[in-house]
N, C-alpha and C. Protein backbone atom coordinates (compact mmCIF):
# COMPACT_ATOMS: atom_id res chain seq x y z
N MET A 1 4.40 10.18 -18.04
CA MET A 1 5.46 11.06 -18.49
C MET A 1 4.92 12.14 -19.43
N ARG A 2 3.99 11.75 -20.30
CA ARG A 2 3.44 12.69 -21.25
C ARG A 2 2.61 13.76 -20.53
N ALA A 3 1.92 13.39 -19.47
CA ALA A 3 1.12 14.35 -18.72
C ALA A 3 2.03 15.35 -18.00
N ARG A 4 3.14 14.86 -17.54
CA ARG A 4 4.08 15.74 -16.85
C ARG A 4 4.69 16.75 -17.83
N THR A 5 5.03 16.30 -19.01
CA THR A 5 5.59 17.18 -20.04
C THR A 5 4.54 18.22 -20.46
N ALA A 6 3.29 17.77 -20.56
CA ALA A 6 2.22 18.68 -20.95
C ALA A 6 1.99 19.74 -19.87
N ALA A 7 2.26 19.42 -18.62
CA ALA A 7 2.07 20.38 -17.54
C ALA A 7 3.24 21.36 -17.46
N VAL A 8 4.43 20.91 -17.78
CA VAL A 8 5.62 21.73 -17.68
C VAL A 8 5.77 22.66 -18.88
N LEU A 9 5.32 22.22 -20.03
CA LEU A 9 5.50 22.99 -21.26
C LEU A 9 4.87 24.39 -21.18
N PRO A 10 3.64 24.57 -20.73
CA PRO A 10 3.10 25.94 -20.64
C PRO A 10 3.87 26.83 -19.66
N VAL A 11 4.35 26.25 -18.59
CA VAL A 11 5.13 27.03 -17.62
C VAL A 11 6.44 27.49 -18.25
N LEU A 12 7.11 26.61 -18.98
CA LEU A 12 8.35 26.98 -19.65
C LEU A 12 8.10 28.04 -20.72
N LEU A 13 7.04 27.90 -21.47
CA LEU A 13 6.72 28.89 -22.50
C LEU A 13 6.40 30.25 -21.88
N ALA A 14 5.67 30.25 -20.77
CA ALA A 14 5.36 31.50 -20.10
C ALA A 14 6.63 32.16 -19.55
N ALA A 15 7.52 31.36 -18.99
CA ALA A 15 8.78 31.89 -18.46
C ALA A 15 9.64 32.45 -19.59
N LEU A 16 9.67 31.75 -20.71
CA LEU A 16 10.45 32.22 -21.86
C LEU A 16 9.87 33.52 -22.42
N ALA A 17 8.55 33.59 -22.48
CA ALA A 17 7.90 34.81 -22.97
C ALA A 17 8.17 35.98 -22.02
N ALA A 18 8.11 35.73 -20.72
CA ALA A 18 8.38 36.79 -19.75
C ALA A 18 9.82 37.26 -19.84
N LEU A 19 10.72 36.34 -20.05
CA LEU A 19 12.13 36.69 -20.19
C LEU A 19 12.34 37.51 -21.46
N ALA A 20 11.72 37.11 -22.54
CA ALA A 20 11.87 37.85 -23.80
C ALA A 20 11.30 39.26 -23.69
N VAL A 21 10.15 39.40 -23.06
CA VAL A 21 9.53 40.71 -22.91
C VAL A 21 10.34 41.57 -21.95
N GLY A 22 10.83 40.99 -20.90
CA GLY A 22 11.61 41.74 -19.91
C GLY A 22 12.93 42.21 -20.45
N CYS A 23 13.54 41.46 -21.33
CA CYS A 23 14.84 41.83 -21.87
C CYS A 23 14.76 42.68 -23.12
N SER A 24 13.60 42.79 -23.70
CA SER A 24 13.50 43.52 -24.96
C SER A 24 13.42 45.03 -24.77
N GLY A 25 13.09 45.51 -23.58
CA GLY A 25 12.95 46.94 -23.33
C GLY A 25 14.28 47.62 -23.16
N ASP A 26 14.24 48.87 -22.73
CA ASP A 26 15.44 49.64 -22.48
C ASP A 26 16.18 49.03 -21.30
N ASP A 27 17.43 48.64 -21.54
CA ASP A 27 18.18 47.97 -20.48
C ASP A 27 18.87 48.94 -19.53
N GLY A 28 18.78 50.21 -19.81
CA GLY A 28 19.38 51.20 -18.92
C GLY A 28 20.87 51.38 -19.13
N ALA A 29 21.46 50.66 -20.07
CA ALA A 29 22.89 50.79 -20.31
C ALA A 29 23.23 52.09 -21.01
N SER A 30 22.32 52.58 -21.82
CA SER A 30 22.59 53.83 -22.52
C SER A 30 21.71 54.92 -21.95
N PRO A 31 22.21 56.14 -21.90
CA PRO A 31 21.40 57.22 -21.34
C PRO A 31 20.18 57.50 -22.21
N SER A 32 19.09 57.91 -21.58
CA SER A 32 17.87 58.18 -22.32
C SER A 32 17.95 59.51 -23.05
N THR A 33 18.81 60.40 -22.60
CA THR A 33 19.00 61.67 -23.28
C THR A 33 20.39 61.68 -23.89
N PRO A 34 20.54 62.16 -25.10
CA PRO A 34 21.84 62.10 -25.75
C PRO A 34 22.89 63.01 -25.13
N ASP A 35 22.47 64.04 -24.40
CA ASP A 35 23.45 64.96 -23.83
C ASP A 35 23.83 64.60 -22.40
N ALA A 36 23.43 63.44 -21.92
CA ALA A 36 23.79 63.03 -20.56
C ALA A 36 25.27 62.66 -20.51
N THR A 37 25.95 63.04 -19.45
CA THR A 37 27.36 62.73 -19.30
C THR A 37 27.52 61.56 -18.34
N PRO A 38 28.52 60.74 -18.57
CA PRO A 38 28.71 59.58 -17.70
C PRO A 38 29.17 59.98 -16.30
N SER A 39 28.99 59.07 -15.38
CA SER A 39 29.39 59.30 -14.00
C SER A 39 30.91 59.46 -13.93
N GLY A 40 31.38 60.44 -13.20
CA GLY A 40 32.80 60.66 -13.04
C GLY A 40 33.42 61.50 -14.15
N TYR A 41 32.62 61.98 -15.06
CA TYR A 41 33.15 62.75 -16.19
C TYR A 41 33.82 64.04 -15.74
N SER A 42 33.22 64.72 -14.76
CA SER A 42 33.81 65.98 -14.31
C SER A 42 35.16 65.75 -13.65
N GLN A 43 35.30 64.65 -12.90
CA GLN A 43 36.59 64.34 -12.29
C GLN A 43 37.64 64.03 -13.35
N MET A 44 37.22 63.29 -14.38
CA MET A 44 38.13 62.97 -15.46
C MET A 44 38.57 64.24 -16.18
N GLN A 45 37.64 65.17 -16.37
CA GLN A 45 37.95 66.42 -17.04
C GLN A 45 38.92 67.26 -16.21
N GLU A 46 38.73 67.28 -14.90
CA GLU A 46 39.64 68.00 -14.01
C GLU A 46 41.05 67.42 -14.08
N LYS A 47 41.15 66.10 -14.11
CA LYS A 47 42.47 65.45 -14.20
C LYS A 47 43.13 65.76 -15.53
N ALA A 48 42.36 65.77 -16.60
CA ALA A 48 42.92 66.09 -17.92
C ALA A 48 43.41 67.54 -17.95
N ASN A 49 42.65 68.44 -17.37
CA ASN A 49 43.07 69.84 -17.31
C ASN A 49 44.34 70.01 -16.48
N ALA A 50 44.42 69.27 -15.37
CA ALA A 50 45.62 69.34 -14.54
C ALA A 50 46.83 68.80 -15.29
N ALA A 51 46.63 67.73 -16.05
CA ALA A 51 47.74 67.17 -16.82
C ALA A 51 48.19 68.14 -17.90
N GLU A 52 47.25 68.81 -18.56
CA GLU A 52 47.62 69.80 -19.57
C GLU A 52 48.38 70.98 -18.94
N SER A 53 47.95 71.40 -17.77
CA SER A 53 48.65 72.49 -17.07
C SER A 53 50.06 72.07 -16.69
N ALA A 54 50.20 70.84 -16.22
CA ALA A 54 51.52 70.34 -15.84
C ALA A 54 52.43 70.25 -17.07
N ALA A 55 51.88 69.82 -18.20
CA ALA A 55 52.68 69.75 -19.42
C ALA A 55 53.10 71.14 -19.88
N ALA A 56 52.20 72.09 -19.78
CA ALA A 56 52.53 73.47 -20.15
C ALA A 56 53.61 74.03 -19.23
N ALA A 57 53.51 73.74 -17.94
CA ALA A 57 54.52 74.20 -16.98
C ALA A 57 55.87 73.56 -17.28
N ALA A 58 55.86 72.28 -17.64
CA ALA A 58 57.12 71.60 -17.98
C ALA A 58 57.73 72.20 -19.24
N ASP A 59 56.90 72.56 -20.20
CA ASP A 59 57.41 73.21 -21.41
C ASP A 59 58.03 74.57 -21.08
N ARG A 60 57.37 75.32 -20.21
CA ARG A 60 57.92 76.63 -19.82
C ARG A 60 59.25 76.46 -19.10
N ASP A 61 59.31 75.48 -18.20
CA ASP A 61 60.56 75.22 -17.48
C ASP A 61 61.67 74.80 -18.43
N ALA A 62 61.34 73.95 -19.38
CA ALA A 62 62.35 73.49 -20.34
C ALA A 62 62.85 74.63 -21.20
N SER A 63 61.94 75.48 -21.63
CA SER A 63 62.39 76.61 -22.45
C SER A 63 63.18 77.62 -21.62
N ALA A 64 62.83 77.77 -20.35
CA ALA A 64 63.59 78.67 -19.47
C ALA A 64 64.98 78.12 -19.23
N ASP A 65 65.10 76.79 -19.07
CA ASP A 65 66.41 76.18 -18.88
C ASP A 65 67.26 76.33 -20.13
N THR A 66 66.64 76.21 -21.30
CA THR A 66 67.37 76.34 -22.55
C THR A 66 67.83 77.78 -22.74
N ASP A 67 66.98 78.75 -22.40
CA ASP A 67 67.35 80.17 -22.51
C ASP A 67 68.46 80.53 -21.51
N ALA A 68 68.43 79.93 -20.33
CA ALA A 68 69.41 80.24 -19.30
C ALA A 68 70.77 79.65 -19.67
N GLY A 69 70.78 78.58 -20.44
CA GLY A 69 72.03 77.93 -20.81
C GLY A 69 72.73 78.60 -21.97
N ARG A 70 72.18 79.57 -22.57
CA ARG A 70 72.82 80.23 -23.72
C ARG A 70 73.93 81.12 -23.32
C-alpha cells in the first residue's frame, strides 16, 4: 500500500501543479485592451437609440394632443 501511495503522490502533485499553472494565467474573461467593446454592443446601442426616438415621438404626440385639446 505504501508503494502504491508513493507512486501516485508524484502524479497527483504534477497534476495539481499543472492545474495551478494553467489557471493562473489570463482566463480570457476580460478583454486584453481596455477600449474593447463586448459582443452585441452595437445592436444594444441601436435598440437604445430606437427606444429614445420612440419616447421622443410619444412626447411629441402627447404634446400635440394636449395642444389640440385646448
